[in-house]
N, C-alpha and C. Protein backbone atom coordinates (compact mmCIF):
# COMPACT_ATOMS: atom_id res chain seq x y z
N VAL A 1 -24.94 58.35 -62.36
CA VAL A 1 -26.04 59.24 -61.99
C VAL A 1 -27.06 59.26 -63.12
N GLN A 2 -28.31 59.16 -62.73
CA GLN A 2 -29.39 59.25 -63.72
C GLN A 2 -30.33 60.37 -63.34
N LEU A 3 -30.90 61.00 -64.37
CA LEU A 3 -31.89 62.05 -64.16
C LEU A 3 -33.22 61.55 -64.71
N GLN A 4 -34.27 61.74 -63.94
CA GLN A 4 -35.60 61.30 -64.33
C GLN A 4 -36.53 62.51 -64.37
N ALA A 5 -36.94 62.89 -65.57
CA ALA A 5 -37.84 64.03 -65.73
C ALA A 5 -39.29 63.55 -65.75
N SER A 6 -40.16 64.37 -65.19
CA SER A 6 -41.59 64.04 -65.18
C SER A 6 -42.40 65.31 -65.04
N GLY A 7 -43.71 65.17 -65.21
CA GLY A 7 -44.59 66.30 -64.99
C GLY A 7 -45.19 66.90 -66.23
N GLY A 8 -44.80 66.45 -67.40
CA GLY A 8 -45.37 66.99 -68.62
C GLY A 8 -46.82 66.58 -68.79
N GLY A 9 -47.47 67.20 -69.74
CA GLY A 9 -48.86 66.88 -70.00
C GLY A 9 -49.48 67.87 -70.94
N LEU A 10 -50.80 67.78 -71.02
CA LEU A 10 -51.57 68.67 -71.88
C LEU A 10 -52.24 69.73 -71.01
N VAL A 11 -52.08 70.98 -71.39
CA VAL A 11 -52.66 72.08 -70.62
C VAL A 11 -53.16 73.15 -71.58
N GLN A 12 -54.16 73.87 -71.18
CA GLN A 12 -54.66 74.95 -72.02
C GLN A 12 -53.78 76.19 -71.87
N ALA A 13 -53.80 77.02 -72.87
CA ALA A 13 -53.04 78.27 -72.81
C ALA A 13 -53.46 79.06 -71.58
N GLY A 14 -52.47 79.62 -70.90
CA GLY A 14 -52.72 80.35 -69.66
C GLY A 14 -52.59 79.48 -68.42
N GLY A 15 -52.50 78.19 -68.61
CA GLY A 15 -52.41 77.28 -67.49
C GLY A 15 -50.99 77.12 -66.97
N SER A 16 -50.85 76.20 -66.01
CA SER A 16 -49.56 75.97 -65.36
C SER A 16 -49.23 74.49 -65.31
N LEU A 17 -47.95 74.21 -65.28
CA LEU A 17 -47.43 72.87 -65.06
C LEU A 17 -46.15 73.00 -64.25
N ARG A 18 -45.84 71.95 -63.51
CA ARG A 18 -44.56 71.89 -62.82
C ARG A 18 -43.82 70.63 -63.24
N LEU A 19 -42.66 70.81 -63.80
CA LEU A 19 -41.82 69.69 -64.19
C LEU A 19 -40.85 69.37 -63.04
N SER A 20 -40.53 68.10 -62.92
CA SER A 20 -39.58 67.65 -61.91
C SER A 20 -38.45 66.88 -62.58
N CYS A 21 -37.27 66.98 -62.02
CA CYS A 21 -36.11 66.24 -62.50
C CYS A 21 -35.43 65.66 -61.26
N ALA A 22 -35.61 64.38 -61.06
CA ALA A 22 -35.06 63.71 -59.89
C ALA A 22 -33.73 63.07 -60.23
N ALA A 23 -32.73 63.33 -59.40
CA ALA A 23 -31.40 62.74 -59.60
C ALA A 23 -31.27 61.49 -58.75
N SER A 24 -30.60 60.48 -59.31
CA SER A 24 -30.45 59.22 -58.58
C SER A 24 -29.40 59.33 -57.47
N GLY A 25 -28.51 60.31 -57.61
CA GLY A 25 -27.50 60.53 -56.58
C GLY A 25 -27.66 61.90 -55.96
N SER A 26 -26.66 62.31 -55.21
CA SER A 26 -26.73 63.61 -54.56
C SER A 26 -26.65 64.73 -55.58
N ILE A 27 -27.56 65.66 -55.42
CA ILE A 27 -27.59 66.79 -56.34
C ILE A 27 -26.42 67.73 -56.09
N PHE A 28 -25.76 67.57 -54.94
CA PHE A 28 -24.61 68.42 -54.62
C PHE A 28 -23.40 68.09 -55.49
N SER A 29 -23.46 66.96 -56.18
CA SER A 29 -22.34 66.60 -57.05
C SER A 29 -22.35 67.43 -58.35
N PHE A 30 -23.46 68.11 -58.59
CA PHE A 30 -23.57 68.90 -59.81
C PHE A 30 -23.18 70.35 -59.57
N ASN A 31 -22.54 70.95 -60.54
CA ASN A 31 -22.18 72.37 -60.45
C ASN A 31 -23.28 73.27 -61.00
N ALA A 32 -24.06 72.72 -61.90
CA ALA A 32 -25.16 73.48 -62.48
C ALA A 32 -26.18 72.51 -63.04
N MET A 33 -27.41 72.96 -63.09
CA MET A 33 -28.48 72.17 -63.69
C MET A 33 -29.35 73.08 -64.54
N GLY A 34 -30.10 72.47 -65.42
CA GLY A 34 -30.95 73.31 -66.26
C GLY A 34 -32.00 72.52 -67.00
N TRP A 35 -32.86 73.27 -67.65
CA TRP A 35 -33.93 72.71 -68.48
C TRP A 35 -33.74 73.19 -69.92
N TYR A 36 -33.94 72.27 -70.83
CA TYR A 36 -33.90 72.55 -72.25
C TYR A 36 -35.23 72.09 -72.84
N ARG A 37 -35.54 72.58 -74.03
CA ARG A 37 -36.72 72.08 -74.73
C ARG A 37 -36.44 71.98 -76.22
N GLN A 38 -37.18 71.11 -76.84
CA GLN A 38 -37.06 70.93 -78.29
C GLN A 38 -38.45 70.78 -78.87
N ALA A 39 -38.81 71.76 -79.69
CA ALA A 39 -40.09 71.72 -80.38
C ALA A 39 -39.92 70.98 -81.69
N PRO A 40 -41.00 70.44 -82.25
CA PRO A 40 -40.91 69.72 -83.52
C PRO A 40 -40.25 70.56 -84.60
N GLY A 41 -39.25 70.00 -85.25
CA GLY A 41 -38.58 70.69 -86.34
C GLY A 41 -37.62 71.77 -85.92
N LYS A 42 -37.39 71.92 -84.62
CA LYS A 42 -36.51 72.98 -84.13
C LYS A 42 -35.35 72.38 -83.34
N GLN A 43 -34.33 73.19 -83.16
CA GLN A 43 -33.19 72.75 -82.36
C GLN A 43 -33.52 72.84 -80.87
N ARG A 44 -32.81 72.03 -80.11
CA ARG A 44 -32.95 72.08 -78.66
C ARG A 44 -32.43 73.44 -78.16
N GLU A 45 -33.17 74.04 -77.24
CA GLU A 45 -32.78 75.34 -76.73
C GLU A 45 -32.81 75.34 -75.21
N SER A 46 -31.97 76.18 -74.64
CA SER A 46 -31.94 76.33 -73.19
C SER A 46 -33.14 77.15 -72.74
N VAL A 47 -33.78 76.70 -71.68
CA VAL A 47 -34.94 77.40 -71.13
C VAL A 47 -34.56 78.09 -69.82
N ALA A 48 -33.92 77.35 -68.95
CA ALA A 48 -33.56 77.90 -67.64
C ALA A 48 -32.38 77.13 -67.09
N SER A 49 -31.58 77.80 -66.29
CA SER A 49 -30.45 77.14 -65.66
C SER A 49 -30.23 77.72 -64.28
N ILE A 50 -29.57 76.93 -63.45
CA ILE A 50 -29.27 77.38 -62.10
C ILE A 50 -27.97 76.76 -61.65
N ALA A 51 -27.06 77.60 -61.19
CA ALA A 51 -25.78 77.11 -60.68
C ALA A 51 -25.93 76.76 -59.20
N ARG A 52 -25.07 75.89 -58.73
CA ARG A 52 -25.13 75.48 -57.33
C ARG A 52 -24.98 76.72 -56.44
N GLY A 53 -25.96 76.95 -55.61
CA GLY A 53 -25.92 78.11 -54.73
C GLY A 53 -26.30 79.40 -55.40
N GLY A 54 -26.68 79.34 -56.67
CA GLY A 54 -27.00 80.55 -57.41
C GLY A 54 -28.48 80.72 -57.66
N THR A 55 -28.78 81.72 -58.46
CA THR A 55 -30.16 81.98 -58.84
C THR A 55 -30.39 81.56 -60.29
N GLY A 56 -31.63 81.55 -60.68
CA GLY A 56 -31.96 81.08 -62.01
C GLY A 56 -31.64 82.07 -63.11
N ASN A 57 -31.32 81.52 -64.27
CA ASN A 57 -31.17 82.31 -65.49
C ASN A 57 -32.16 81.77 -66.50
N TYR A 58 -32.76 82.66 -67.27
CA TYR A 58 -33.87 82.27 -68.12
C TYR A 58 -33.71 82.79 -69.54
N ALA A 59 -34.25 82.01 -70.47
CA ALA A 59 -34.38 82.50 -71.83
C ALA A 59 -35.37 83.66 -71.83
N ASP A 60 -35.16 84.62 -72.71
CA ASP A 60 -36.04 85.78 -72.77
C ASP A 60 -37.50 85.36 -72.98
N SER A 61 -37.72 84.29 -73.71
CA SER A 61 -39.08 83.87 -74.04
C SER A 61 -39.87 83.37 -72.84
N VAL A 62 -39.18 83.04 -71.75
CA VAL A 62 -39.89 82.49 -70.59
C VAL A 62 -39.72 83.34 -69.33
N LYS A 63 -38.94 84.40 -69.42
CA LYS A 63 -38.72 85.26 -68.25
C LYS A 63 -40.04 85.78 -67.71
N GLY A 64 -40.17 85.71 -66.40
CA GLY A 64 -41.38 86.18 -65.76
C GLY A 64 -42.50 85.16 -65.72
N ARG A 65 -42.33 84.04 -66.44
CA ARG A 65 -43.37 83.00 -66.45
C ARG A 65 -42.87 81.69 -65.85
N PHE A 66 -41.59 81.40 -66.04
CA PHE A 66 -41.02 80.14 -65.56
C PHE A 66 -40.08 80.41 -64.39
N THR A 67 -40.03 79.45 -63.47
CA THR A 67 -39.12 79.54 -62.33
C THR A 67 -38.44 78.20 -62.12
N VAL A 68 -37.12 78.22 -62.07
CA VAL A 68 -36.36 77.00 -61.81
C VAL A 68 -35.93 77.01 -60.35
N SER A 69 -35.99 75.84 -59.73
CA SER A 69 -35.60 75.74 -58.33
C SER A 69 -35.05 74.35 -58.05
N ILE A 70 -34.35 74.24 -56.93
CA ILE A 70 -33.78 72.97 -56.52
C ILE A 70 -34.17 72.69 -55.07
N ASP A 71 -34.61 71.46 -54.83
CA ASP A 71 -34.84 70.98 -53.47
C ASP A 71 -33.74 69.95 -53.20
N SER A 72 -32.69 70.37 -52.53
CA SER A 72 -31.54 69.48 -52.33
C SER A 72 -31.88 68.30 -51.44
N ALA A 73 -32.83 68.48 -50.55
CA ALA A 73 -33.22 67.36 -49.67
C ALA A 73 -33.86 66.23 -50.46
N LYS A 74 -34.49 66.58 -51.57
CA LYS A 74 -35.14 65.57 -52.41
C LYS A 74 -34.32 65.27 -53.66
N ASN A 75 -33.13 65.89 -53.78
CA ASN A 75 -32.29 65.69 -54.97
C ASN A 75 -33.10 65.93 -56.25
N THR A 76 -33.88 66.97 -56.25
CA THR A 76 -34.80 67.22 -57.35
C THR A 76 -34.76 68.69 -57.78
N MET A 77 -34.78 68.89 -59.09
CA MET A 77 -34.90 70.22 -59.67
C MET A 77 -36.31 70.35 -60.23
N TYR A 78 -36.85 71.55 -60.15
CA TYR A 78 -38.20 71.80 -60.64
C TYR A 78 -38.19 72.92 -61.67
N LEU A 79 -39.20 72.90 -62.52
CA LEU A 79 -39.47 74.02 -63.41
C LEU A 79 -40.95 74.34 -63.29
N GLN A 80 -41.26 75.42 -62.61
CA GLN A 80 -42.64 75.87 -62.51
C GLN A 80 -42.94 76.73 -63.72
N MET A 81 -43.93 76.33 -64.48
CA MET A 81 -44.27 77.03 -65.72
C MET A 81 -45.68 77.60 -65.59
N ASN A 82 -45.77 78.91 -65.63
CA ASN A 82 -47.05 79.59 -65.53
C ASN A 82 -47.35 80.34 -66.83
N SER A 83 -48.58 80.73 -66.99
CA SER A 83 -49.01 81.49 -68.18
C SER A 83 -48.50 80.83 -69.45
N LEU A 84 -48.72 79.55 -69.56
CA LEU A 84 -48.20 78.80 -70.69
C LEU A 84 -48.84 79.25 -72.00
N LYS A 85 -48.03 79.20 -73.04
CA LYS A 85 -48.46 79.61 -74.37
C LYS A 85 -48.31 78.41 -75.32
N PRO A 86 -49.06 78.40 -76.41
CA PRO A 86 -48.90 77.31 -77.37
C PRO A 86 -47.46 77.15 -77.85
N GLU A 87 -46.72 78.24 -77.94
CA GLU A 87 -45.33 78.14 -78.39
C GLU A 87 -44.40 77.52 -77.36
N ASP A 88 -44.90 77.25 -76.17
CA ASP A 88 -44.12 76.51 -75.17
C ASP A 88 -44.20 75.00 -75.40
N THR A 89 -45.04 74.59 -76.33
CA THR A 89 -45.16 73.17 -76.63
C THR A 89 -43.83 72.61 -77.11
N ALA A 90 -43.36 71.56 -76.43
CA ALA A 90 -42.06 70.97 -76.75
C ALA A 90 -41.83 69.77 -75.84
N VAL A 91 -40.79 69.03 -76.16
CA VAL A 91 -40.28 68.03 -75.23
C VAL A 91 -39.24 68.73 -74.36
N TYR A 92 -39.40 68.62 -73.07
CA TYR A 92 -38.51 69.28 -72.11
C TYR A 92 -37.55 68.26 -71.53
N PHE A 93 -36.28 68.65 -71.48
CA PHE A 93 -35.21 67.79 -70.98
C PHE A 93 -34.51 68.48 -69.81
N CYS A 94 -34.14 67.70 -68.81
CA CYS A 94 -33.31 68.27 -67.76
C CYS A 94 -31.86 67.86 -67.98
N ASN A 95 -30.98 68.70 -67.48
CA ASN A 95 -29.55 68.56 -67.72
C ASN A 95 -28.79 68.89 -66.45
N ALA A 96 -27.67 68.22 -66.25
CA ALA A 96 -26.81 68.53 -65.10
C ALA A 96 -25.36 68.51 -65.54
N LEU A 97 -24.57 69.42 -64.99
CA LEU A 97 -23.15 69.52 -65.32
C LEU A 97 -22.31 69.27 -64.08
N GLN A 98 -21.26 68.50 -64.28
CA GLN A 98 -20.30 68.21 -63.22
C GLN A 98 -18.93 68.59 -63.73
N TYR A 99 -18.23 69.47 -63.01
CA TYR A 99 -16.96 69.99 -63.50
C TYR A 99 -15.76 69.17 -63.04
N ALA A 100 -15.83 68.52 -61.90
CA ALA A 100 -14.69 67.79 -61.35
C ALA A 100 -15.15 66.46 -60.77
N PRO A 101 -14.26 65.46 -60.79
CA PRO A 101 -12.87 65.46 -61.24
C PRO A 101 -12.69 65.56 -62.75
N GLU A 102 -13.76 65.34 -63.50
CA GLU A 102 -13.72 65.56 -64.93
C GLU A 102 -15.07 66.09 -65.36
N PHE A 103 -15.05 66.82 -66.48
CA PHE A 103 -16.30 67.42 -66.94
C PHE A 103 -17.24 66.33 -67.44
N LYS A 104 -18.47 66.35 -66.93
CA LYS A 104 -19.49 65.42 -67.38
C LYS A 104 -20.81 66.16 -67.52
N THR A 105 -21.61 65.73 -68.48
CA THR A 105 -22.94 66.27 -68.62
C THR A 105 -23.94 65.11 -68.62
N TYR A 106 -25.01 65.30 -67.93
CA TYR A 106 -26.03 64.27 -67.80
C TYR A 106 -27.35 64.82 -68.36
N TRP A 107 -28.10 63.94 -68.99
CA TRP A 107 -29.40 64.30 -69.54
C TRP A 107 -30.47 63.35 -69.01
N GLY A 108 -31.62 63.89 -68.72
CA GLY A 108 -32.77 63.07 -68.41
C GLY A 108 -33.53 62.79 -69.70
N GLN A 109 -34.44 61.84 -69.62
CA GLN A 109 -35.28 61.60 -70.78
C GLN A 109 -36.28 62.76 -70.88
N GLY A 110 -36.82 63.00 -72.02
CA GLY A 110 -37.71 64.13 -72.18
C GLY A 110 -39.09 63.88 -71.61
N THR A 111 -39.75 64.99 -71.31
CA THR A 111 -41.16 64.93 -70.92
C THR A 111 -41.91 65.92 -71.79
N LEU A 112 -43.02 65.48 -72.37
CA LEU A 112 -43.72 66.28 -73.37
C LEU A 112 -44.70 67.24 -72.70
N VAL A 113 -44.59 68.49 -73.10
CA VAL A 113 -45.53 69.53 -72.68
C VAL A 113 -46.28 70.00 -73.92
N THR A 114 -47.59 69.91 -73.87
CA THR A 114 -48.42 70.36 -74.98
C THR A 114 -49.38 71.42 -74.47
N VAL A 115 -49.32 72.60 -75.08
CA VAL A 115 -50.18 73.71 -74.67
C VAL A 115 -51.17 73.97 -75.80
N SER A 116 -52.44 73.80 -75.51
CA SER A 116 -53.47 74.00 -76.53
C SER A 116 -53.98 75.44 -76.48
N SER A 117 -54.36 75.94 -77.65
CA SER A 117 -54.85 77.33 -77.72
C SER A 117 -56.35 77.41 -77.50
């Protein structure tokens, strides 16, 4: 299974972007998916996650601004980012977890989001 992230770009503060993470196989094989980000000089951090059949969980820094969703028909996870701030600038990665028959974690390549002030 491969994950392909896309949708990053340059946006002004207050603007919006939507990131996509397309899975090469069925998204139903995953137990949970999520988005992480890594800013220059900082550790990778969790931004949002969603369990299969569940609702989104968010980092405090993005609550109320970001929304994670899954379109199972398209095997794609999205991250809608609104009211973007310069501190949201980072490389964003998508992640998927599979619990059975053995635990596996999958990562997509990063997509760069740059928010200008």
